[in-house]
N, C-alpha and C. Protein backbone atom coordinates (compact mmCIF):
# COMPACT_ATOMS: atom_id res chain seq x y z
N MET A 1 134.56 63.17 67.45
CA MET A 1 135.52 64.29 66.99
C MET A 1 135.77 64.50 69.21
N GLN A 2 137.39 63.88 68.53
CA GLN A 2 139.06 63.86 69.06
C GLN A 2 138.66 65.16 69.75
N GLN A 3 138.26 64.63 71.32
CA GLN A 3 139.34 66.03 71.93
C GLN A 3 141.15 65.82 73.16
N GLN A 4 141.43 67.08 72.04
CA GLN A 4 142.51 67.85 73.19
C GLN A 4 143.03 67.87 74.56
N LEU A 5 143.87 66.87 75.12
CA LEU A 5 143.57 66.80 76.33
C LEU A 5 144.65 67.61 77.25
N ASP A 6 144.97 69.15 77.95
CA ASP A 6 146.02 68.79 77.84
C ASP A 6 146.87 68.68 79.56
N GLN A 7 145.59 68.47 80.44
CA GLN A 7 145.92 67.76 81.50
C GLN A 7 145.13 67.21 82.05
N SER A 8 145.64 65.31 82.52
CA SER A 8 144.29 64.01 83.45
C SER A 8 145.18 63.90 84.52
N ARG A 9 144.56 63.13 84.98
CA ARG A 9 144.78 62.34 85.80
C ARG A 9 143.77 61.66 86.22
N ILE A 10 144.45 60.00 86.65
CA ILE A 10 143.48 59.11 87.35
C ILE A 10 143.96 59.42 88.70
N VAL A 11 142.54 59.74 88.99
CA VAL A 11 142.23 59.94 90.54
C VAL A 11 141.27 58.53 90.87
N PHE A 12 141.96 57.54 92.85
CA PHE A 12 141.80 56.82 92.81
C PHE A 12 140.76 57.57 93.92
N GLY A 13 139.00 57.40 94.24
CA GLY A 13 138.20 58.02 95.62
C GLY A 13 137.81 56.55 95.51
N GLY A 14 137.02 57.09 96.75
CA GLY A 14 136.02 55.86 97.78
C GLY A 14 135.22 56.07 96.77
N ASP A 15 133.52 55.40 96.56
CA ASP A 15 133.10 55.45 95.97
C ASP A 15 131.49 55.34 97.02
N GLY A 16 132.20 54.93 97.75
CA GLY A 16 131.84 55.53 99.42
C GLY A 16 130.57 54.17 99.72
N GLU A 17 130.87 53.10 99.17
CA GLU A 17 130.20 51.88 99.60
C GLU A 17 131.85 51.14 99.68
N GLY A 18 132.32 51.63 100.00
CA GLY A 18 133.88 51.06 100.56
C GLY A 18 134.81 50.49 99.66
N GLY A 19 134.57 50.79 98.42
CA GLY A 19 135.39 50.13 97.31
C GLY A 19 134.95 51.14 96.80
N LEU A 20 136.42 51.16 95.53
CA LEU A 20 137.57 52.06 95.04
C LEU A 20 136.98 52.69 93.58
N GLY A 21 136.10 53.58 94.17
CA GLY A 21 135.80 54.56 92.49
C GLY A 21 137.12 54.98 91.17
N LEU A 22 136.99 54.59 90.05
CA LEU A 22 138.37 55.59 89.10
C LEU A 22 137.23 57.30 88.84
N LYS A 23 137.82 58.04 88.61
CA LYS A 23 137.47 59.52 88.49
C LYS A 23 138.65 59.49 87.57
N CYS A 24 138.49 59.67 86.39
CA CYS A 24 139.19 60.54 85.45
C CYS A 24 138.95 62.14 85.08
N ILE A 25 139.89 62.96 85.58
CA ILE A 25 139.64 64.55 85.82
C ILE A 25 141.00 64.59 85.21
N CYS A 26 140.42 65.64 84.32
CA CYS A 26 140.93 65.99 82.79
C CYS A 26 140.04 67.78 82.02
N GLU A 27 140.92 67.97 81.91
CA GLU A 27 141.60 69.57 81.71
C GLU A 27 141.35 69.43 79.49
N ILE A 28 140.50 70.60 79.21
CA ILE A 28 140.74 70.25 77.79
C ILE A 28 141.43 71.05 77.22
N SER A 29 141.78 70.88 76.26
CA SER A 29 142.84 72.53 76.14
C SER A 29 141.58 73.35 75.68
N ARG A 30 141.17 73.72 74.92
CA ARG A 30 140.04 74.98 74.48
C ARG A 30 140.15 75.65 75.98
N ASP A 31 139.72 75.58 77.31
CA ASP A 31 139.28 76.13 78.30
C ASP A 31 140.49 76.25 79.17
N ARG A 32 141.42 77.25 78.58
CA ARG A 32 142.70 77.75 78.99
C ARG A 32 142.43 78.52 79.85
N LYS A 33 140.49 79.23 80.71
CA LYS A 33 141.55 80.10 81.49
C LYS A 33 141.40 79.85 82.54
N MET A 34 142.71 81.25 83.38
CA MET A 34 142.88 80.88 84.60
C MET A 34 141.96 80.66 85.28
N ARG A 35 140.60 81.12 85.94
CA ARG A 35 139.45 81.18 86.51
C ARG A 35 138.34 81.73 86.40
N SER A 36 137.24 80.73 86.87
CA SER A 36 135.34 81.26 85.99
C SER A 36 135.45 82.50 87.17
N GLU A 37 134.68 83.03 86.81
CA GLU A 37 134.33 84.79 87.45
C GLU A 37 134.26 83.98 89.43
N ASP A 38 133.43 83.41 89.02
CA ASP A 38 133.53 83.28 90.65
C ASP A 38 134.79 81.89 91.72
N GLY A 39 136.29 82.59 90.48
CA GLY A 39 136.81 81.63 91.37
C GLY A 39 137.72 83.12 92.62
N PRO A 40 138.64 82.71 93.59
CA PRO A 40 139.72 84.19 94.44
C PRO A 40 139.63 83.83 93.66
N PRO A 41 140.30 85.56 94.05
CA PRO A 41 141.10 86.55 93.73
C PRO A 41 142.65 86.40 94.60
N GLY A 42 143.55 86.58 92.88
CA GLY A 42 144.48 87.10 92.70
C GLY A 42 145.22 85.63 91.97
N SER A 43 147.13 85.59 92.19
CA SER A 43 146.71 84.12 91.93
C SER A 43 148.17 84.08 92.16
N ALA A 44 149.27 83.07 92.01
CA ALA A 44 149.53 83.26 92.91
C ALA A 44 151.35 84.05 91.82
N SER A 45 150.93 84.26 90.73
CA SER A 45 151.97 85.77 89.61
C SER A 45 150.76 86.99 90.10
N GLY A 46 149.38 86.72 91.10
CA GLY A 46 149.42 88.76 90.94
C GLY A 46 148.40 88.86 89.77
N PRO A 47 147.55 89.55 90.18
CA PRO A 47 146.10 89.77 89.10
C PRO A 47 146.98 90.01 87.03
N GLY A 48 145.32 88.55 86.54
CA GLY A 48 145.52 89.14 85.19
C GLY A 48 145.64 87.67 85.20
N PRO A 49 145.58 87.66 83.38
CA PRO A 49 146.54 86.15 82.85
C PRO A 49 148.09 85.89 82.38
N ALA A 50 148.60 85.76 83.01
CA ALA A 50 149.76 84.94 83.41
C ALA A 50 150.59 84.35 82.51
N ARG A 51 149.58 83.73 82.10
CA ARG A 51 149.92 82.35 81.73
C ARG A 51 150.10 82.53 80.01
N LEU A 52 148.93 84.29 79.40
CA LEU A 52 149.51 84.38 78.22
C LEU A 52 151.23 85.44 77.95
N PRO A 53 151.17 84.36 76.76
CA PRO A 53 153.49 85.40 76.17
C PRO A 53 152.76 86.12 75.38
N ALA A 54 153.29 87.59 75.95
CA ALA A 54 153.77 88.06 75.10
C ALA A 54 154.53 88.37 74.18
N LEU A 55 153.92 88.54 72.64
CA LEU A 55 154.60 87.77 71.62
C LEU A 55 155.47 89.54 70.82
N ASN A 56 156.69 89.04 70.93
CA ASN A 56 157.57 89.65 69.88
C ASN A 56 157.76 91.08 71.12
N VAL A 57 158.24 90.43 72.03
CA VAL A 57 159.21 90.93 73.64
C VAL A 57 160.58 90.92 72.84
N LYS A 58 161.26 92.55 73.30
CA LYS A 58 162.33 92.77 73.10
C LYS A 58 163.47 91.75 74.53
N GLY A 59 164.24 90.83 73.87
CA GLY A 59 164.57 89.70 74.87
C GLY A 59 164.07 88.46 75.57
N GLY A 60 162.52 88.62 74.93
CA GLY A 60 161.71 87.57 75.49
C GLY A 60 161.76 85.91 74.34
N LEU A 61 161.46 84.69 74.72
CA LEU A 61 161.21 84.29 74.34
C LEU A 61 160.59 84.63 72.63
N SER A 62 161.37 82.95 71.66
CA SER A 62 160.34 83.46 70.49
C SER A 62 159.09 82.53 70.17
N ALA A 63 158.06 83.37 69.90
CA ALA A 63 156.37 82.09 69.36
C ALA A 63 156.71 80.61 69.66
N HIS A 64 157.96 80.60 69.11
CA HIS A 64 158.03 79.04 68.77
C HIS A 64 158.13 78.67 70.57
N SER A 65 159.36 79.39 70.42
CA SER A 65 159.61 78.67 71.74
C SER A 65 158.63 78.65 72.91
N ALA A 66 158.49 80.92 73.12
CA ALA A 66 156.70 80.18 74.31
C ALA A 66 156.31 79.68 73.56
N ARG A 67 155.25 78.60 73.32
CA ARG A 67 155.00 77.63 73.10
C ARG A 67 155.60 76.31 73.16
N LYS A 68 156.37 75.66 72.75
CA LYS A 68 157.20 74.57 73.53
C LYS A 68 158.26 74.68 74.77
N VAL A 69 157.68 75.86 75.63
CA VAL A 69 158.08 75.51 77.51
C VAL A 69 157.04 76.04 77.56
N GLN A 70 155.21 76.21 77.20
CA GLN A 70 154.35 76.24 77.86
C GLN A 70 153.81 75.02 77.63
N GLU A 71 153.74 74.18 76.43
CA GLU A 71 152.73 73.27 76.79
C GLU A 71 153.91 71.82 77.40
N PHE A 72 154.94 72.18 77.42
CA PHE A 72 156.15 71.83 78.99
C PHE A 72 155.76 71.72 80.13
N LEU A 73 155.45 72.81 80.54
CA LEU A 73 154.45 72.96 81.72
C LEU A 73 153.53 72.55 82.40
N ASP A 74 153.30 72.56 80.67
CA ASP A 74 151.48 71.92 81.17
C ASP A 74 151.41 69.88 81.17
N GLN A 75 152.07 69.94 81.01
CA GLN A 75 151.96 68.69 80.45
C GLN A 75 152.89 67.96 82.18
N ASN A 76 154.23 69.11 82.80
CA ASN A 76 154.33 68.13 83.82
C ASN A 76 155.22 69.37 84.82
N PHE A 77 154.10 70.11 85.03
CA PHE A 77 153.40 70.94 86.04
C PHE A 77 153.71 69.96 87.38
N THR A 78 153.44 68.68 87.10
CA THR A 78 152.77 68.02 88.89
C THR A 78 153.69 67.08 89.26
N ARG A 79 155.46 67.31 88.42
CA ARG A 79 156.36 66.95 89.54
C ARG A 79 157.55 67.94 89.68
N LYS A 80 158.13 68.05 90.18
CA LYS A 80 159.82 68.66 90.22
C LYS A 80 160.31 69.12 88.55
N ILE A 81 160.74 69.68 88.31
CA ILE A 81 160.88 70.43 87.41
C ILE A 81 162.78 71.16 87.63
N ALA A 82 163.62 71.18 86.93
CA ALA A 82 164.39 71.98 87.31
C ALA A 82 164.42 72.96 85.95
N LEU A 83 165.79 74.34 86.11
CA LEU A 83 165.49 75.61 86.17
C LEU A 83 166.14 75.04 85.01
N ALA A 84 167.43 73.98 83.97
CA ALA A 84 167.64 73.18 83.22
C ALA A 84 166.84 72.78 83.16
N GLU A 85 166.18 71.75 82.87
CA GLU A 85 165.22 71.04 82.01
C GLU A 85 164.33 71.57 81.17
N MET A 86 164.40 72.66 81.51
CA MET A 86 162.92 74.60 80.99
C MET A 86 164.19 75.26 79.95
N ALA A 87 165.05 75.32 79.98
CA ALA A 87 165.64 75.99 79.27
C ALA A 87 166.17 75.45 78.28
N ALA A 88 166.69 73.77 78.19
CA ALA A 88 166.32 72.82 77.36
C ALA A 88 165.94 72.08 76.55
N VAL A 89 164.40 72.80 76.56
CA VAL A 89 163.21 73.36 75.89
C VAL A 89 162.99 73.68 74.96
N CYS A 90 164.13 75.35 75.05
CA CYS A 90 163.93 76.24 74.17
C CYS A 90 165.36 76.75 73.90
N GLY A 91 166.43 75.80 74.53
CA GLY A 91 167.49 75.69 73.25
C GLY A 91 168.38 76.73 73.68
N LEU A 92 168.51 76.50 75.26
CA LEU A 92 169.14 78.18 76.40
C LEU A 92 169.91 77.93 77.39
N SER A 93 170.37 78.60 78.16
CA SER A 93 171.23 78.11 79.06
C SER A 93 170.85 78.94 79.79
N SER A 94 170.86 77.91 81.21
CA SER A 94 169.49 78.51 82.43
C SER A 94 169.65 79.81 82.61
N TYR A 95 170.61 80.41 82.39
CA TYR A 95 171.01 82.20 83.60
C TYR A 95 170.06 82.73 82.14
N HIS A 96 169.80 82.87 80.34
CA HIS A 96 169.29 83.30 79.47
C HIS A 96 167.78 83.85 79.25
N PHE A 97 167.44 81.84 80.53
CA PHE A 97 165.68 81.93 80.25
C PHE A 97 164.96 82.07 80.68
N VAL A 98 166.19 82.37 81.98
CA VAL A 98 164.74 83.33 82.87
C VAL A 98 164.42 84.29 82.57
N ARG A 99 165.81 84.72 82.01
CA ARG A 99 165.64 86.35 82.20
C ARG A 99 164.15 86.38 80.78
N ALA A 100 164.13 85.72 79.63
CA ALA A 100 163.57 85.14 78.04
C ALA A 100 162.06 85.04 78.85
N PHE A 101 161.95 84.26 79.79
CA PHE A 101 160.92 83.83 79.92
C PHE A 101 159.59 84.44 80.75
N SER A 102 160.77 85.63 82.04
CA SER A 102 160.52 86.42 82.80
C SER A 102 159.59 87.45 81.57
N ARG A 103 160.29 87.89 80.78
CA ARG A 103 159.53 89.19 80.20
C ARG A 103 158.75 88.02 79.02
N THR A 104 158.94 87.01 78.66
CA THR A 104 157.49 87.30 78.00
C THR A 104 155.95 86.68 78.75
N PHE A 105 156.22 86.32 80.09
CA PHE A 105 154.81 85.55 80.58
C PHE A 105 154.69 86.63 82.06
N ARG A 106 155.49 87.22 82.24
CA ARG A 106 155.73 88.19 82.73
C ARG A 106 155.45 88.00 84.73
N VAL A 107 156.42 86.93 84.12
CA VAL A 107 156.72 85.92 85.77
C VAL A 107 158.16 85.65 85.84
N PRO A 108 157.74 85.21 86.60
CA PRO A 108 159.49 84.19 86.46
C PRO A 108 158.96 82.98 86.65
N PRO A 109 159.69 81.58 86.39
CA PRO A 109 158.96 80.55 85.99
C PRO A 109 158.56 79.91 87.53
N HIS A 110 158.97 79.70 87.74
CA HIS A 110 158.97 79.21 89.57
C HIS A 110 157.19 79.37 89.31
N GLN A 111 157.24 81.19 89.54
CA GLN A 111 155.85 81.69 89.50
C GLN A 111 154.63 80.87 89.34
N TYR A 112 155.45 80.75 87.48
CA TYR A 112 154.46 80.08 86.38
C TYR A 112 154.11 78.44 86.62
N VAL A 113 155.04 78.01 87.31
CA VAL A 113 153.86 76.41 88.17
C VAL A 113 153.76 76.78 89.38
N LEU A 114 153.71 77.23 90.01
CA LEU A 114 152.99 77.47 91.88
C LEU A 114 152.10 78.00 91.11
N ASP A 115 151.49 78.72 90.11
CA ASP A 115 150.38 79.12 89.02
C ASP A 115 149.88 77.88 88.93
N LEU A 116 150.38 77.29 88.43
CA LEU A 116 150.04 76.02 87.46
C LEU A 116 149.34 75.31 88.19
N ARG A 117 149.62 74.83 89.24
CA ARG A 117 149.92 73.78 90.03
C ARG A 117 148.86 74.40 91.01
N LEU A 118 148.64 75.53 91.14
CA LEU A 118 147.33 75.94 92.22
C LEU A 118 145.96 75.81 91.55
N ASP A 119 145.89 76.64 90.23
CA ASP A 119 145.30 76.00 89.74
C ASP A 119 144.64 74.51 89.44
N PHE A 120 145.49 73.86 89.36
CA PHE A 120 145.37 72.62 89.28
C PHE A 120 144.82 72.66 90.96
N ALA A 121 145.13 72.59 92.08
CA ALA A 121 144.73 71.74 92.76
C ALA A 121 143.15 72.84 93.20
N GLU A 122 142.65 73.75 92.49
CA GLU A 122 141.46 74.62 93.32
C GLU A 122 140.97 73.79 92.30
N ARG A 123 141.21 73.45 91.01
CA ARG A 123 139.71 72.44 90.79
C ARG A 123 140.17 71.12 91.35
N LEU A 124 140.46 70.28 91.43
CA LEU A 124 140.16 68.68 92.01
C LEU A 124 139.11 69.18 93.61
N LEU A 125 140.03 70.91 94.38
CA LEU A 125 139.51 70.60 95.35
C LEU A 125 137.89 70.55 95.24
N ALA A 126 136.80 72.07 93.85
CA ALA A 126 135.98 71.93 93.64
C ALA A 126 135.69 70.80 93.03
N GLU A 127 135.96 70.04 92.29
CA GLU A 127 135.16 68.62 91.20
C GLU A 127 135.32 67.58 92.43
N SER A 128 136.14 67.75 93.11
CA SER A 128 136.20 66.14 94.29
C SER A 128 135.92 65.41 95.59
N GLY A 129 136.79 64.60 95.81
CA GLY A 129 135.23 64.33 97.55
C GLY A 129 137.02 64.61 97.97
N MET A 130 138.80 64.04 97.19
CA MET A 130 139.74 64.46 97.50
C MET A 130 140.44 64.06 99.18
N THR A 131 141.10 63.95 99.82
CA THR A 131 141.66 64.19 100.73
C THR A 131 142.60 65.62 100.18
N ILE A 132 142.72 66.67 100.58
CA ILE A 132 143.80 67.31 100.47
C ILE A 132 145.52 67.34 100.77
N ALA A 133 145.37 66.71 101.87
CA ALA A 133 147.04 65.55 101.09
C ALA A 133 147.80 64.92 99.75
N ASP A 134 146.52 64.27 99.02
CA ASP A 134 146.01 63.33 97.86
C ASP A 134 146.41 65.42 96.88
N ILE A 135 145.56 65.27 97.06
CA ILE A 135 145.05 66.69 96.19
C ILE A 135 146.89 67.54 96.37
N ALA A 136 147.16 67.45 97.07
CA ALA A 136 148.41 68.54 97.22
C ALA A 136 149.51 67.33 96.29
N HIS A 137 149.48 65.63 96.39
CA HIS A 137 150.62 65.08 96.65
C HIS A 137 150.26 65.34 94.47
N LEU A 138 148.61 64.66 94.03
CA LEU A 138 148.80 65.70 93.24
C LEU A 138 149.22 66.25 92.46
N SER A 139 148.61 67.49 92.25
CA SER A 139 149.39 68.69 92.18
C SER A 139 150.51 68.88 91.96
N GLY A 140 152.12 68.49 92.97
CA GLY A 140 152.70 68.82 92.34
C GLY A 140 153.74 68.76 93.86
N PHE A 141 152.73 69.60 94.91
CA PHE A 141 153.57 69.77 95.76
C PHE A 141 154.57 68.94 96.55
N SER A 142 155.26 69.38 98.38
CA SER A 142 156.04 68.43 98.75
C SER A 142 155.33 67.97 99.27
N SER A 143 154.16 68.41 100.44
CA SER A 143 153.03 68.29 101.20
C SER A 143 151.92 68.41 101.16
N GLN A 144 151.27 68.47 102.47
CA GLN A 144 149.83 69.36 102.52
C GLN A 144 150.26 70.59 102.85
N SER A 145 151.43 70.29 104.04
CA SER A 145 151.69 71.84 104.58
C SER A 145 152.32 73.17 103.47
N HIS A 146 153.12 72.38 102.71
CA HIS A 146 153.19 73.26 101.72
C HIS A 146 152.77 73.82 100.18
N PHE A 147 151.30 73.03 100.84
CA PHE A 147 149.89 73.12 99.19
C PHE A 147 149.56 73.82 100.00
N THR A 148 149.47 73.94 101.68
CA THR A 148 148.03 75.49 102.20
C THR A 148 149.31 76.18 102.43
N THR A 149 149.90 76.35 103.39
CA THR A 149 151.26 77.67 102.90
C THR A 149 151.62 78.55 101.45
N VAL A 150 151.31 78.03 100.42
CA VAL A 150 151.55 78.55 98.88
C VAL A 150 150.57 79.53 98.97
N MET A 151 148.86 77.79 99.40
CA MET A 151 147.91 78.56 98.78
C MET A 151 147.59 79.91 99.62
N LYS A 152 147.61 79.93 100.36
CA LYS A 152 147.29 80.58 101.99
C LYS A 152 148.47 82.17 101.40
N LYS A 153 149.08 82.26 101.23
CA LYS A 153 149.86 82.90 100.54
C LYS A 153 149.38 83.32 98.98
N TYR A 154 149.80 82.78 98.86
CA TYR A 154 148.91 83.62 96.89
C TYR A 154 147.40 83.66 96.85
N ARG A 155 147.05 82.56 97.41
CA ARG A 155 145.17 83.05 97.27
C ARG A 155 144.26 83.56 98.80
N ARG A 156 145.49 83.71 99.54
CA ARG A 156 144.53 84.06 100.28
C ARG A 156 143.48 83.44 100.95
N LEU A 157 143.36 82.16 101.05
CA LEU A 157 142.63 80.89 101.84
C LEU A 157 142.70 79.91 101.94
N THR A 158 142.70 79.49 102.63
CA THR A 158 143.39 77.63 102.93
C THR A 158 142.28 76.84 102.01
N PRO A 159 143.23 75.67 101.94
CA PRO A 159 142.46 75.00 101.15
C PRO A 159 141.06 74.35 101.29
N LEU A 160 141.27 73.52 102.88
CA LEU A 160 139.57 74.24 102.95
C LEU A 160 138.91 74.92 103.01
N GLN A 161 138.73 76.27 103.60
CA GLN A 161 138.49 77.40 102.60
C GLN A 161 137.75 77.28 101.12
N ALA A 162 138.59 77.36 100.67
CA ALA A 162 137.98 77.13 99.22
C ALA A 162 138.14 76.00 98.72
N ARG A 163 137.82 75.16 99.13
CA ARG A 163 137.15 73.64 98.86
C ARG A 163 135.79 74.19 99.34
N PHE A 164 135.23 74.63 100.32
CA PHE A 164 133.75 75.30 100.72
C PHE A 164 133.14 76.37 100.19
N GLY A 165 134.18 77.04 99.88
CA GLY A 165 133.63 78.35 99.27
C GLY A 165 133.04 78.40 97.52
N LYS A 166 133.83 76.91 97.32
CA LYS A 166 133.73 76.22 95.71
C LYS A 166 132.14 75.85 96.22
N LEU A 167 131.78 74.41 97.06
CA LEU A 167 130.92 74.47 97.42
C LEU A 167 129.13 75.23 97.85
N ASN A 168 130.31 76.37 98.71
CA ASN A 168 128.99 76.56 98.81
C ASN A 168 128.44 77.69 97.54
N SER A 169 129.03 78.16 96.53
CA SER A 169 129.31 79.10 95.64
C SER A 169 128.22 77.99 93.87
N LYS A 170 128.02 76.42 94.24
CA LYS A 170 127.13 75.67 94.08
C LYS A 170 126.12 75.49 93.87
N LEU A 171 126.25 76.07 95.82
CA LEU A 171 124.61 75.65 95.93
C LEU A 171 123.72 76.99 95.44
N ARG A 172 124.49 77.57 96.17
CA ARG A 172 123.63 79.74 95.46
C ARG A 172 123.13 79.23 94.08
C-alpha cells in the first residue's frame, strides 16, 4: 500500500560523527490535524481549525476551487507565492480571490500560508536537530529573525522555547 505525501523535504543534518546524515521529513496526507493535544496554543489565524474550508458559503470558493487551492498551497507554502498565482489556480482575479478565499477558509491567504509554515517549522523543531536558521529557510521564511518574530507573534513562543517545550513533553 503506497501512502500519499502532501509535503516532503530532504534535509541534510549531521550524524554526530562528522559526516552528513540524510533525513526525510514527511507529512502523510491523512494526518492533517493542525496540532496534537500537547501543541502550543493558538495559530497564525487564531484558535480553531482554520484549514478546514467552509463549503457552500455565499461569495466563497466552490468546493473544487477550495480543494485545488488547498492542494496548491500544501505543496508550495515553502516558497514565495504571489497572490496572482494563487488566484490563477482558481481562475479568479486577485481581488475576487482574496474575498472568496477569506470567506471559505475564514482567514486571508497570507495568514493561511503563515499557519502552514509555522506548523511545518514546529514539526521540524520537534523532530530534528537542525539549526533554527535552517528550519526558517526550509519553512519559507526570509530569515531566522523573520521566523522568530512571526512565531513569537502568533504562537507566543520563540523557536527555542518551542523546541525545548516539545523535548520536555517527550521526556514526561
